[in-house]
Amino acid sequence: MAKTVTAAAQIDLLADLRLIVSDVERLVSDTATVSGELSREARDQLVAKAQAARQRLQETEARVEAQARAVARSADDYVHTHPWQTAGAVGAGAFLLGLLIGRR
């Protein structure tokens, strides 16, 4: 069974990955003055991997955004099709929250 990851965790992970890719690109740029065939090959490989990672990151961001929009659209559709059930659920939640706050 696959674990589900919350949208907030996915967004945080994507932000971290974006930062890592930027750091790798900056590192490659900063070491461009280092001479030698080995360093040039390593730099070229890093650039290629960073570009591939950036592309996958953009695809993942688009997928997460599409999923978030689908969930929001689904919730909006439910609220419009079942307004009384939604109002009752919100009212019950507010009532319970009021009880909890009143006990303090």
PDB file of N, CA and C in Angstrom:
ATOM      1  N   MET A   1       0.849  -1.183   0.000  1.00  0.00           N
ATOM      2  CA  MET A   1       0.000   0.000   0.000  1.00  0.00           C
ATOM      3  C   MET A   1       0.890   1.240   0.000  1.00  0.00           C
ATOM      4  N   ALA A   2       0.640   2.154  -0.888  1.00  0.00           N
ATOM      5  CA  ALA A   2       1.460   3.351  -1.029  1.00  0.00           C
ATOM      6  C   ALA A   2       1.092   4.365   0.045  1.00  0.00           C
ATOM      7  N   LYS A   3       2.115   5.053   0.536  1.00  0.00           N
ATOM      8  CA  LYS A   3       1.877   6.113   1.509  1.00  0.00           C
ATOM      9  C   LYS A   3       1.425   7.362   0.788  1.00  0.00           C
ATOM     10  N   THR A   4       0.482   8.067   1.379  1.00  0.00           N
ATOM     11  CA  THR A   4       0.058   9.327   0.796  1.00  0.00           C
ATOM     12  C   THR A   4       0.830  10.449   1.469  1.00  0.00           C
ATOM     13  N   VAL A   5       1.177  11.429   0.682  1.00  0.00           N
ATOM     14  CA  VAL A   5       1.916  12.585   1.175  1.00  0.00           C
ATOM     15  C   VAL A   5       1.005  13.789   1.037  1.00  0.00           C
ATOM     16  N   THR A   6       0.944  14.589   2.080  1.00  0.00           N
ATOM     17  CA  THR A   6       0.077  15.758   2.045  1.00  0.00           C
ATOM     18  C   THR A   6       0.592  16.755   1.018  1.00  0.00           C
ATOM     19  N   ALA A   7      -0.308  17.594   0.560  1.00  0.00           N
ATOM     20  CA  ALA A   7       0.060  18.602  -0.428  1.00  0.00           C
ATOM     21  C   ALA A   7       1.111  19.547   0.140  1.00  0.00           C
ATOM     22  N   ALA A   8       0.987  19.901   1.413  1.00  0.00           N
ATOM     23  CA  ALA A   8       1.965  20.806   2.032  1.00  0.00           C
ATOM     24  C   ALA A   8       3.347  20.169   2.057  1.00  0.00           C
ATOM     25  N   ALA A   9       3.409  18.873   2.370  1.00  0.00           N
ATOM     26  CA  ALA A   9       4.701  18.183   2.387  1.00  0.00           C
ATOM     27  C   ALA A   9       5.285  18.107   0.987  1.00  0.00           C
ATOM     28  N   GLN A  10       4.425  17.887  -0.012  1.00  0.00           N
ATOM     29  CA  GLN A  10       4.906  17.849  -1.388  1.00  0.00           C
ATOM     30  C   GLN A  10       5.452  19.202  -1.807  1.00  0.00           C
ATOM     31  N   ILE A  11       4.760  20.266  -1.431  1.00  0.00           N
ATOM     32  CA  ILE A  11       5.211  21.614  -1.778  1.00  0.00           C
ATOM     33  C   ILE A  11       6.543  21.914  -1.107  1.00  0.00           C
ATOM     34  N   ASP A  12       6.686  21.533   0.172  1.00  0.00           N
ATOM     35  CA  ASP A  12       7.953  21.734   0.879  1.00  0.00           C
ATOM     36  C   ASP A  12       9.071  20.944   0.219  1.00  0.00           C
ATOM     37  N   LEU A  13       8.792  19.712  -0.157  1.00  0.00           N
ATOM     38  CA  LEU A  13       9.793  18.874  -0.807  1.00  0.00           C
ATOM     39  C   LEU A  13      10.208  19.476  -2.141  1.00  0.00           C
ATOM     40  N   LEU A  14       9.255  19.957  -2.911  1.00  0.00           N
ATOM     41  CA  LEU A  14       9.576  20.574  -4.196  1.00  0.00           C
ATOM     42  C   LEU A  14      10.423  21.831  -4.006  1.00  0.00           C
ATOM     43  N   ALA A  15      10.120  22.608  -2.984  1.00  0.00           N
ATOM     44  CA  ALA A  15      10.919  23.805  -2.711  1.00  0.00           C
ATOM     45  C   ALA A  15      12.350  23.420  -2.341  1.00  0.00           C
ATOM     46  N   ASP A  16      12.507  22.371  -1.532  1.00  0.00           N
ATOM     47  CA  ASP A  16      13.843  21.900  -1.165  1.00  0.00           C
ATOM     48  C   ASP A  16      14.604  21.412  -2.386  1.00  0.00           C
ATOM     49  N   LEU A  17      13.941  20.653  -3.230  1.00  0.00           N
ATOM     50  CA  LEU A  17      14.593  20.145  -4.440  1.00  0.00           C
ATOM     51  C   LEU A  17      14.979  21.276  -5.378  1.00  0.00           C
ATOM     52  N   ARG A  18      14.118  22.274  -5.497  1.00  0.00           N
ATOM     53  CA  ARG A  18      14.423  23.437  -6.331  1.00  0.00           C
ATOM     54  C   ARG A  18      15.677  24.137  -5.820  1.00  0.00           C
ATOM     55  N   LEU A  19      15.803  24.259  -4.504  1.00  0.00           N
ATOM     56  CA  LEU A  19      16.975  24.880  -3.903  1.00  0.00           C
ATOM     57  C   LEU A  19      18.235  24.057  -4.169  1.00  0.00           C
ATOM     58  N   ILE A  20      18.127  22.742  -4.073  1.00  0.00           N
ATOM     59  CA  ILE A  20      19.273  21.867  -4.320  1.00  0.00           C
ATOM     60  C   ILE A  20      19.737  21.992  -5.769  1.00  0.00           C
ATOM     61  N   VAL A  21      18.813  21.985  -6.696  1.00  0.00           N
ATOM     62  CA  VAL A  21      19.180  22.115  -8.111  1.00  0.00           C
ATOM     63  C   VAL A  21      19.858  23.456  -8.351  1.00  0.00           C
ATOM     64  N   SER A  22      19.339  24.517  -7.758  1.00  0.00           N
ATOM     65  CA  SER A  22      19.959  25.837  -7.909  1.00  0.00           C
ATOM     66  C   SER A  22      21.369  25.848  -7.331  1.00  0.00           C
ATOM     67  N   ASP A  23      21.556  25.198  -6.178  1.00  0.00           N
ATOM     68  CA  ASP A  23      22.883  25.128  -5.572  1.00  0.00           C
ATOM     69  C   ASP A  23      23.872  24.365  -6.450  1.00  0.00           C
ATOM     70  N   VAL A  24      23.415  23.275  -7.048  1.00  0.00           N
ATOM     71  CA  VAL A  24      24.286  22.497  -7.939  1.00  0.00           C
ATOM     72  C   VAL A  24      24.670  23.335  -9.153  1.00  0.00           C
ATOM     73  N   GLU A  25      23.694  24.046  -9.722  1.00  0.00           N
ATOM     74  CA  GLU A  25      23.997  24.895 -10.874  1.00  0.00           C
ATOM     75  C   GLU A  25      24.987  26.001 -10.500  1.00  0.00           C
ATOM     76  N   ARG A  26      24.823  26.562  -9.314  1.00  0.00           N
ATOM     77  CA  ARG A  26      25.749  27.619  -8.866  1.00  0.00           C
ATOM     78  C   ARG A  26      27.143  27.042  -8.641  1.00  0.00           C
ATOM     79  N   LEU A  27      27.215  25.845  -8.064  1.00  0.00           N
ATOM     80  CA  LEU A  27      28.494  25.177  -7.840  1.00  0.00           C
ATOM     81  C   LEU A  27      29.204  24.915  -9.159  1.00  0.00           C
ATOM     82  N   VAL A  28      28.469  24.439 -10.139  1.00  0.00           N
ATOM     83  CA  VAL A  28      29.052  24.182 -11.458  1.00  0.00           C
ATOM     84  C   VAL A  28      29.563  25.472 -12.059  1.00  0.00           C
ATOM     85  N   SER A  29      28.795  26.526 -11.921  1.00  0.00           N
ATOM     86  CA  SER A  29      29.205  27.826 -12.461  1.00  0.00           C
ATOM     87  C   SER A  29      30.452  28.353 -11.753  1.00  0.00           C
ATOM     88  N   ASP A  30      30.494  28.200 -10.438  1.00  0.00           N
ATOM     89  CA  ASP A  30      31.637  28.694  -9.664  1.00  0.00           C
ATOM     90  C   ASP A  30      32.915  27.919  -9.946  1.00  0.00           C
ATOM     91  N   THR A  31      32.812  26.650 -10.318  1.00  0.00           N
ATOM     92  CA  THR A  31      34.001  25.837 -10.575  1.00  0.00           C
ATOM     93  C   THR A  31      34.375  25.810 -12.053  1.00  0.00           C
ATOM     94  N   ALA A  32      33.764  26.679 -12.846  1.00  0.00           N
ATOM     95  CA  ALA A  32      34.038  26.695 -14.282  1.00  0.00           C
ATOM     96  C   ALA A  32      35.484  27.059 -14.579  1.00  0.00           C
ATOM     97  N   THR A  33      36.142  27.752 -13.675  1.00  0.00           N
ATOM     98  CA  THR A  33      37.531  28.169 -13.922  1.00  0.00           C
ATOM     99  C   THR A  33      38.538  27.073 -13.611  1.00  0.00           C
ATOM    100  N   VAL A  34      38.108  26.013 -12.943  1.00  0.00           N
ATOM    101  CA  VAL A  34      39.011  24.902 -12.631  1.00  0.00           C
ATOM    102  C   VAL A  34      39.348  24.198 -13.937  1.00  0.00           C
ATOM    103  N   SER A  35      40.633  23.995 -14.162  1.00  0.00           N
ATOM    104  CA  SER A  35      41.043  23.404 -15.432  1.00  0.00           C
ATOM    105  C   SER A  35      41.143  21.887 -15.308  1.00  0.00           C
ATOM    106  N   GLY A  36      41.262  21.259 -16.439  1.00  0.00           N
ATOM    107  CA  GLY A  36      41.437  19.820 -16.457  1.00  0.00           C
ATOM    108  C   GLY A  36      40.281  19.130 -17.136  1.00  0.00           C
ATOM    109  N   GLU A  37      40.597  18.056 -17.838  1.00  0.00           N
ATOM    110  CA  GLU A  37      39.583  17.309 -18.575  1.00  0.00           C
ATOM    111  C   GLU A  37      38.589  16.641 -17.630  1.00  0.00           C
ATOM    112  N   LEU A  38      39.092  16.098 -16.518  1.00  0.00           N
ATOM    113  CA  LEU A  38      38.220  15.413 -15.571  1.00  0.00           C
ATOM    114  C   LEU A  38      37.190  16.375 -14.995  1.00  0.00           C
ATOM    115  N   SER A  39      37.628  17.578 -14.623  1.00  0.00           N
ATOM    116  CA  SER A  39      36.684  18.527 -14.046  1.00  0.00           C
ATOM    117  C   SER A  39      35.674  18.988 -15.090  1.00  0.00           C
ATOM    118  N   ARG A  40      36.089  19.113 -16.350  1.00  0.00           N
ATOM    119  CA  ARG A  40      35.169  19.515 -17.416  1.00  0.00           C
ATOM    120  C   ARG A  40      34.120  18.430 -17.634  1.00  0.00           C
ATOM    121  N   GLU A  41      34.545  17.168 -17.633  1.00  0.00           N
ATOM    122  CA  GLU A  41      33.601  16.065 -17.802  1.00  0.00           C
ATOM    123  C   GLU A  41      32.627  15.996 -16.623  1.00  0.00           C
ATOM    124  N   ALA A  42      33.161  16.145 -15.426  1.00  0.00           N
ATOM    125  CA  ALA A  42      32.313  16.118 -14.227  1.00  0.00           C
ATOM    126  C   ALA A  42      31.326  17.276 -14.258  1.00  0.00           C
ATOM    127  N   ARG A  43      31.791  18.443 -14.677  1.00  0.00           N
ATOM    128  CA  ARG A  43      30.935  19.620 -14.766  1.00  0.00           C
ATOM    129  C   ARG A  43      29.826  19.390 -15.790  1.00  0.00           C
ATOM    130  N   ASP A  44      30.185  18.830 -16.942  1.00  0.00           N
ATOM    131  CA  ASP A  44      29.187  18.563 -17.979  1.00  0.00           C
ATOM    132  C   ASP A  44      28.137  17.567 -17.490  1.00  0.00           C
ATOM    133  N   GLN A  45      28.582  16.550 -16.759  1.00  0.00           N
ATOM    134  CA  GLN A  45      27.641  15.566 -16.218  1.00  0.00           C
ATOM    135  C   GLN A  45      26.720  16.207 -15.186  1.00  0.00           C
ATOM    136  N   LEU A  46      27.289  17.057 -14.333  1.00  0.00           N
ATOM    137  CA  LEU A  46      26.473  17.741 -13.324  1.00  0.00           C
ATOM    138  C   LEU A  46      25.440  18.647 -13.981  1.00  0.00           C
ATOM    139  N   VAL A  47      25.867  19.358 -15.020  1.00  0.00           N
ATOM    140  CA  VAL A  47      24.939  20.252 -15.716  1.00  0.00           C
ATOM    141  C   VAL A  47      23.797  19.437 -16.318  1.00  0.00           C
ATOM    142  N   ALA A  48      24.126  18.325 -16.969  1.00  0.00           N
ATOM    143  CA  ALA A  48      23.097  17.483 -17.586  1.00  0.00           C
ATOM    144  C   ALA A  48      22.144  16.935 -16.528  1.00  0.00           C
ATOM    145  N   LYS A  49      22.683  16.474 -15.401  1.00  0.00           N
ATOM    146  CA  LYS A  49      21.834  15.933 -14.342  1.00  0.00           C
ATOM    147  C   LYS A  49      20.988  17.031 -13.704  1.00  0.00           C
ATOM    148  N   ALA A  50      21.552  18.214 -13.527  1.00  0.00           N
ATOM    149  CA  ALA A  50      20.799  19.326 -12.942  1.00  0.00           C
ATOM    150  C   ALA A  50      19.656  19.728 -13.873  1.00  0.00           C
ATOM    151  N   GLN A  51      19.908  19.752 -15.182  1.00  0.00           N
ATOM    152  CA  GLN A  51      18.847  20.099 -16.128  1.00  0.00           C
ATOM    153  C   GLN A  51      17.744  19.043 -16.118  1.00  0.00           C
ATOM    154  N   ALA A  52      18.136  17.764 -16.063  1.00  0.00           N
ATOM    155  CA  ALA A  52      17.144  16.692 -16.009  1.00  0.00           C
ATOM    156  C   ALA A  52      16.331  16.779 -14.718  1.00  0.00           C
ATOM    157  N   ALA A  53      17.007  17.079 -13.603  1.00  0.00           N
ATOM    158  CA  ALA A  53      16.310  17.205 -12.318  1.00  0.00           C
ATOM    159  C   ALA A  53      15.351  18.392 -12.342  1.00  0.00           C
ATOM    160  N   ARG A  54      15.780  19.488 -12.940  1.00  0.00           N
ATOM    161  CA  ARG A  54      14.910  20.660 -13.033  1.00  0.00           C
ATOM    162  C   ARG A  54      13.667  20.327 -13.868  1.00  0.00           C
ATOM    163  N   GLN A  55      13.851  19.584 -14.957  1.00  0.00           N
ATOM    164  CA  GLN A  55      12.717  19.200 -15.801  1.00  0.00           C
ATOM    165  C   GLN A  55      11.742  18.305 -15.031  1.00  0.00           C
ATOM    166  N   ARG A  56      12.274  17.307 -14.312  1.00  0.00           N
ATOM    167  CA  ARG A  56      11.406  16.423 -13.522  1.00  0.00           C
ATOM    168  C   ARG A  56      10.705  17.199 -12.420  1.00  0.00           C
ATOM    169  N   LEU A  57      11.413  18.150 -11.836  1.00  0.00           N
ATOM    170  CA  LEU A  57      10.838  18.982 -10.783  1.00  0.00           C
ATOM    171  C   LEU A  57       9.671  19.802 -11.329  1.00  0.00           C
ATOM    172  N   GLN A  58       9.840  20.381 -12.502  1.00  0.00           N
ATOM    173  CA  GLN A  58       8.762  21.161 -13.108  1.00  0.00           C
ATOM    174  C   GLN A  58       7.557  20.274 -13.419  1.00  0.00           C
ATOM    175  N   GLU A  59       7.821  19.047 -13.890  1.00  0.00           N
ATOM    176  CA  GLU A  59       6.725  18.121 -14.174  1.00  0.00           C
ATOM    177  C   GLU A  59       5.990  17.734 -12.890  1.00  0.00           C
ATOM    178  N   THR A  60       6.751  17.508 -11.818  1.00  0.00           N
ATOM    179  CA  THR A  60       6.147  17.146 -10.541  1.00  0.00           C
ATOM    180  C   THR A  60       5.330  18.309  -9.987  1.00  0.00           C
ATOM    181  N   GLU A  61       5.863  19.528 -10.109  1.00  0.00           N
ATOM    182  CA  GLU A  61       5.119  20.702  -9.652  1.00  0.00           C
ATOM    183  C   GLU A  61       3.799  20.822 -10.409  1.00  0.00           C
ATOM    184  N   ALA A  62       3.832  20.589 -11.705  1.00  0.00           N
ATOM    185  CA  ALA A  62       2.609  20.676 -12.503  1.00  0.00           C
ATOM    186  C   ALA A  62       1.608  19.605 -12.071  1.00  0.00           C
ATOM    187  N   ARG A  63       2.104  18.396 -11.767  1.00  0.00           N
ATOM    188  CA  ARG A  63       1.224  17.314 -11.320  1.00  0.00           C
ATOM    189  C   ARG A  63       0.594  17.642  -9.972  1.00  0.00           C
ATOM    190  N   VAL A  64       1.398  18.156  -9.029  1.00  0.00           N
ATOM    191  CA  VAL A  64       0.882  18.511  -7.702  1.00  0.00           C
ATOM    192  C   VAL A  64      -0.146  19.630  -7.824  1.00  0.00           C
ATOM    193  N   GLU A  65       0.146  20.596  -8.674  1.00  0.00           N
ATOM    194  CA  GLU A  65      -0.790  21.700  -8.868  1.00  0.00           C
ATOM    195  C   GLU A  65      -2.103  21.198  -9.468  1.00  0.00           C
ATOM    196  N   ALA A  66      -2.009  20.294 -10.429  1.00  0.00           N
ATOM    197  CA  ALA A  66      -3.218  19.741 -11.044  1.00  0.00           C
ATOM    198  C   ALA A  66      -4.033  18.954 -10.022  1.00  0.00           C
ATOM    199  N   GLN A  67      -3.359  18.190  -9.161  1.00  0.00           N
ATOM    200  CA  GLN A  67      -4.063  17.437  -8.122  1.00  0.00           C
ATOM    201  C   GLN A  67      -4.749  18.377  -7.137  1.00  0.00           C
ATOM    202  N   ALA A  68      -4.062  19.447  -6.754  1.00  0.00           N
ATOM    203  CA  ALA A  68      -4.649  20.409  -5.813  1.00  0.00           C
ATOM    204  C   ALA A  68      -5.871  21.076  -6.427  1.00  0.00           C
ATOM    205  N   ARG A  69      -5.780  21.419  -7.705  1.00  0.00           N
ATOM    206  CA  ARG A  69      -6.933  22.028  -8.375  1.00  0.00           C
ATOM    207  C   ARG A  69      -8.105  21.044  -8.456  1.00  0.00           C
ATOM    208  N   ALA A  70      -7.801  19.780  -8.718  1.00  0.00           N
ATOM    209  CA  ALA A  70      -8.862  18.770  -8.807  1.00  0.00           C
ATOM    210  C   ALA A  70      -9.559  18.602  -7.459  1.00  0.00           C
ATOM    211  N   VAL A  71      -8.790  18.588  -6.384  1.00  0.00           N
ATOM    212  CA  VAL A  71      -9.367  18.459  -5.047  1.00  0.00           C
ATOM    213  C   VAL A  71     -10.227  19.682  -4.730  1.00  0.00           C
ATOM    214  N   ALA A  72      -9.720  20.867  -5.045  1.00  0.00           N
ATOM    215  CA  ALA A  72     -10.490  22.090  -4.788  1.00  0.00           C
ATOM    216  C   ALA A  72     -11.775  22.096  -5.614  1.00  0.00           C
ATOM    217  N   ARG A  73     -11.688  21.665  -6.872  1.00  0.00           N
ATOM    218  CA  ARG A  73     -12.862  21.616  -7.737  1.00  0.00           C
ATOM    219  C   ARG A  73     -13.883  20.619  -7.193  1.00  0.00           C
ATOM    220  N   SER A  74     -13.398  19.490  -6.712  1.00  0.00           N
ATOM    221  CA  SER A  74     -14.281  18.462  -6.149  1.00  0.00           C
ATOM    222  C   SER A  74     -14.989  18.986  -4.902  1.00  0.00           C
ATOM    223  N   ALA A  75     -14.244  19.659  -4.038  1.00  0.00           N
ATOM    224  CA  ALA A  75     -14.846  20.222  -2.821  1.00  0.00           C
ATOM    225  C   ALA A  75     -15.876  21.288  -3.184  1.00  0.00           C
ATOM    226  N   ASP A  76     -15.554  22.124  -4.160  1.00  0.00           N
ATOM    227  CA  ASP A  76     -16.486  23.162  -4.590  1.00  0.00           C
ATOM    228  C   ASP A  76     -17.757  22.543  -5.158  1.00  0.00           C
ATOM    229  N   ASP A  77     -17.595  21.502  -5.965  1.00  0.00           N
ATOM    230  CA  ASP A  77     -18.761  20.815  -6.527  1.00  0.00           C
ATOM    231  C   ASP A  77     -19.631  20.215  -5.421  1.00  0.00           C
ATOM    232  N   TYR A  78     -18.999  19.602  -4.431  1.00  0.00           N
ATOM    233  CA  TYR A  78     -19.754  18.987  -3.333  1.00  0.00           C
ATOM    234  C   TYR A  78     -20.546  20.048  -2.569  1.00  0.00           C
ATOM    235  N   VAL A  79     -19.892  21.171  -2.273  1.00  0.00           N
ATOM    236  CA  VAL A  79     -20.568  22.234  -1.518  1.00  0.00           C
ATOM    237  C   VAL A  79     -21.763  22.767  -2.306  1.00  0.00           C
ATOM    238  N   HIS A  80     -21.608  22.890  -3.612  1.00  0.00           N
ATOM    239  CA  HIS A  80     -22.722  23.399  -4.420  1.00  0.00           C
ATOM    240  C   HIS A  80     -23.845  22.375  -4.589  1.00  0.00           C
ATOM    241  N   THR A  81     -23.502  21.088  -4.589  1.00  0.00           N
ATOM    242  CA  THR A  81     -24.545  20.063  -4.756  1.00  0.00           C
ATOM    243  C   THR A  81     -25.203  19.712  -3.433  1.00  0.00           C
ATOM    244  N   HIS A  82     -24.505  19.869  -2.333  1.00  0.00           N
ATOM    245  CA  HIS A  82     -25.037  19.508  -1.012  1.00  0.00           C
ATOM    246  C   HIS A  82     -24.898  20.691  -0.042  1.00  0.00           C
ATOM    247  N   PRO A  83     -25.585  21.792  -0.302  1.00  0.00           N
ATOM    248  CA  PRO A  83     -25.389  22.978   0.551  1.00  0.00           C
ATOM    249  C   PRO A  83     -25.864  22.769   1.994  1.00  0.00           C
ATOM    250  N   TRP A  84     -26.967  22.051   2.181  1.00  0.00           N
ATOM    251  CA  TRP A  84     -27.487  21.879   3.540  1.00  0.00           C
ATOM    252  C   TRP A  84     -26.606  20.944   4.367  1.00  0.00           C
ATOM    253  N   GLN A  85     -26.091  19.895   3.758  1.00  0.00           N
ATOM    254  CA  GLN A  85     -25.195  18.993   4.480  1.00  0.00           C
ATOM    255  C   GLN A  85     -23.909  19.730   4.868  1.00  0.00           C
ATOM    256  N   THR A  86     -23.428  20.568   3.955  1.00  0.00           N
ATOM    257  CA  THR A  86     -22.220  21.337   4.236  1.00  0.00           C
ATOM    258  C   THR A  86     -22.472  22.318   5.374  1.00  0.00           C
ATOM    259  N   ALA A  87     -23.605  23.016   5.317  1.00  0.00           N
ATOM    260  CA  ALA A  87     -23.926  23.977   6.377  1.00  0.00           C
ATOM    261  C   ALA A  87     -24.073  23.256   7.714  1.00  0.00           C
ATOM    262  N   GLY A  88     -24.677  22.082   7.709  1.00  0.00           N
ATOM    263  CA  GLY A  88     -24.820  21.314   8.947  1.00  0.00           C
ATOM    264  C   GLY A  88     -23.475  20.871   9.498  1.00  0.00           C
ATOM    265  N   ALA A  89     -22.594  20.418   8.632  1.00  0.00           N
ATOM    266  CA  ALA A  89     -21.263  19.985   9.078  1.00  0.00           C
ATOM    267  C   ALA A  89     -20.468  21.156   9.635  1.00  0.00           C
ATOM    268  N   VAL A  90     -20.548  22.291   8.969  1.00  0.00           N
ATOM    269  CA  VAL A  90     -19.834  23.484   9.453  1.00  0.00           C
ATOM    270  C   VAL A  90     -20.430  23.936  10.785  1.00  0.00           C
ATOM    271  N   GLY A  91     -21.749  23.911  10.887  1.00  0.00           N
ATOM    272  CA  GLY A  91     -22.405  24.296  12.146  1.00  0.00           C
ATOM    273  C   GLY A  91     -22.022  23.373  13.284  1.00  0.00           C
ATOM    274  N   ALA A  92     -21.995  22.065  13.022  1.00  0.00           N
ATOM    275  CA  ALA A  92     -21.603  21.103  14.064  1.00  0.00           C
ATOM    276  C   ALA A  92     -20.155  21.329  14.483  1.00  0.00           C
ATOM    277  N   GLY A  93     -19.302  21.589  13.510  1.00  0.00           N
ATOM    278  CA  GLY A  93     -17.900  21.856  13.831  1.00  0.00           C
ATOM    279  C   GLY A  93     -17.737  23.119  14.661  1.00  0.00           C
ATOM    280  N   ALA A  94     -18.471  24.145  14.302  1.00  0.00           N
ATOM    281  CA  ALA A  94     -18.412  25.400  15.059  1.00  0.00           C
ATOM    282  C   ALA A  94     -18.940  25.198  16.474  1.00  0.00           C
ATOM    283  N   PHE A  95     -20.008  24.414  16.611  1.00  0.00           N
ATOM    284  CA  PHE A  95     -20.576  24.133  17.927  1.00  0.00           C
ATOM    285  C   PHE A  95     -19.549  23.414  18.811  1.00  0.00           C
ATOM    286  N   LEU A  96     -18.926  22.379  18.266  1.00  0.00           N
ATOM    287  CA  LEU A  96     -17.904  21.623  19.030  1.00  0.00           C
ATOM    288  C   LEU A  96     -16.712  22.504  19.393  1.00  0.00           C
ATOM    289  N   LEU A  97     -16.304  23.320  18.465  1.00  0.00           N
ATOM    290  CA  LEU A  97     -15.196  24.238  18.741  1.00  0.00           C
ATOM    291  C   LEU A  97     -15.582  25.217  19.846  1.00  0.00           C
ATOM    292  N   GLY A  98     -16.808  25.698  19.799  1.00  0.00           N
ATOM    293  CA  GLY A  98     -17.290  26.588  20.857  1.00  0.00           C
ATOM    294  C   GLY A  98     -17.304  25.911  22.212  1.00  0.00           C
ATOM    295  N   LEU A  99     -17.725  24.628  22.251  1.00  0.00           N
ATOM    296  CA  LEU A  99     -17.702  23.880  23.513  1.00  0.00           C
ATOM    297  C   LEU A  99     -16.283  23.746  24.044  1.00  0.00           C
ATOM    298  N   LEU A 100     -15.355  23.405  23.156  1.00  0.00           N
ATOM    299  CA  LEU A 100     -13.955  23.234  23.593  1.00  0.00           C
ATOM    300  C   LEU A 100     -13.359  24.539  24.106  1.00  0.00           C
ATOM    301  N   ILE A 101     -13.653  25.632  23.416  1.00  0.00           N
ATOM    302  CA  ILE A 101     -13.108  26.930  23.848  1.00  0.00           C
ATOM    303  C   ILE A 101     -13.781  27.370  25.158  1.00  0.00           C
ATOM    304  N   GLY A 102     -15.075  27.087  25.284  1.00  0.00           N
ATOM    305  CA  GLY A 102     -15.810  27.465  26.498  1.00  0.00           C
ATOM    306  C   GLY A 102     -15.340  26.740  27.742  1.00  0.00           C
ATOM    307  N   ARG A 103     -14.722  25.588  27.605  1.00  0.00           N
ATOM    308  CA  ARG A 103     -14.246  24.822  28.762  1.00  0.00           C
ATOM    309  C   ARG A 103     -12.956  25.371  29.338  1.00  0.00           C
ATOM    310  N   ARG A 104     -12.288  26.179  28.642  1.00  0.00           N
ATOM    311  CA  ARG A 104     -11.004  26.714  29.124  1.00  0.00           C
ATOM    312  C   ARG A 104     -11.185  27.723  30.176  1.00  0.00           C
TER     313      ARG A 104
END
